[in-house]
């Protein structure tokens, strides 16, 4: 799930802490958090909570800070405190679901999101997040139903289109997936992951030129996008641009030298270019890093 800094800060701006002194520390903590000075934020928020134990906004801002620093257990403890203070605030349950998802506690995520949807059947984000969990659990058709509902409520919800496209892609409905990715990109043309997902789907349909176009955009937006280089290399290779593919695999190895996938594809490409010794060494490295299929190629071509 994506991090949702904006909504946190929107909530914080409208929240009120009962003690003025507590509120002063809270505002300083909020300001430090917005600057990503998380240790300072924690210090100020701790002081605010010491003064006012009923400051819900202090607790959920602290939860956000702990989430950003990957202290997920503390984030969940903090959001639990906020919920104890404001048990009817549906948004707090949504954020707890986000933290639970990061902890891979999917059963708890679904319980929280079911509760939110029961209380507010028009909460598009809750449907989309619940669909995202079902996507992770490989319940693709059920996930699509949740994304459908999110889109019905909010037709401009780009993430819901992206997630629905991913679910369709997992069901090998690549044309339907591409349609969803295209709509998502109309709504948010700067999402490098969506270009990647679209490129992957086009690759699967053997639309290699279209795939390369999408993957080019993904790489323009994120220059160290390992998966995009791998998939662009695959598309180039399919179009017999073998040297272009080799350049992409070289870049992938540079980005992540401990990923066997890059060595595997680079090894195969070098074999196509009659670079047997170097190619077989890459395949050996791929096998060493866990790509077991590399050894079958070695047995066939590296004797």
Foldseek 3Di string as FASTA:
>chain_A
DDDDVPVLVVVLVPFDADDPVLVVLQVVLSVCVVVVVLVSSVVSLVVSCVVPVLRLNSLQSNLSSCVVVVVLVSSLVSLVSSCVNVVPPLVSLQVNLVSCVVVVVLVSNLVSLVVSCVVPVLPLVSLQVNLVSCVVVLVLVSSLVSLVSSCVSPVLPLSSLQSNLSSCVVVVVLVSSLVSLVSSCVSPVLDLVSLQSNLVSCVVVLVLVSSLVSLVSSCVNPVLPLSSLQSNLVSCVVVVVLVSSLVSLVSSCVSPVLALSSLQVNLVSCVVVVVQVSSLVSLVSSVVSPPVVSVVVCVVRVD
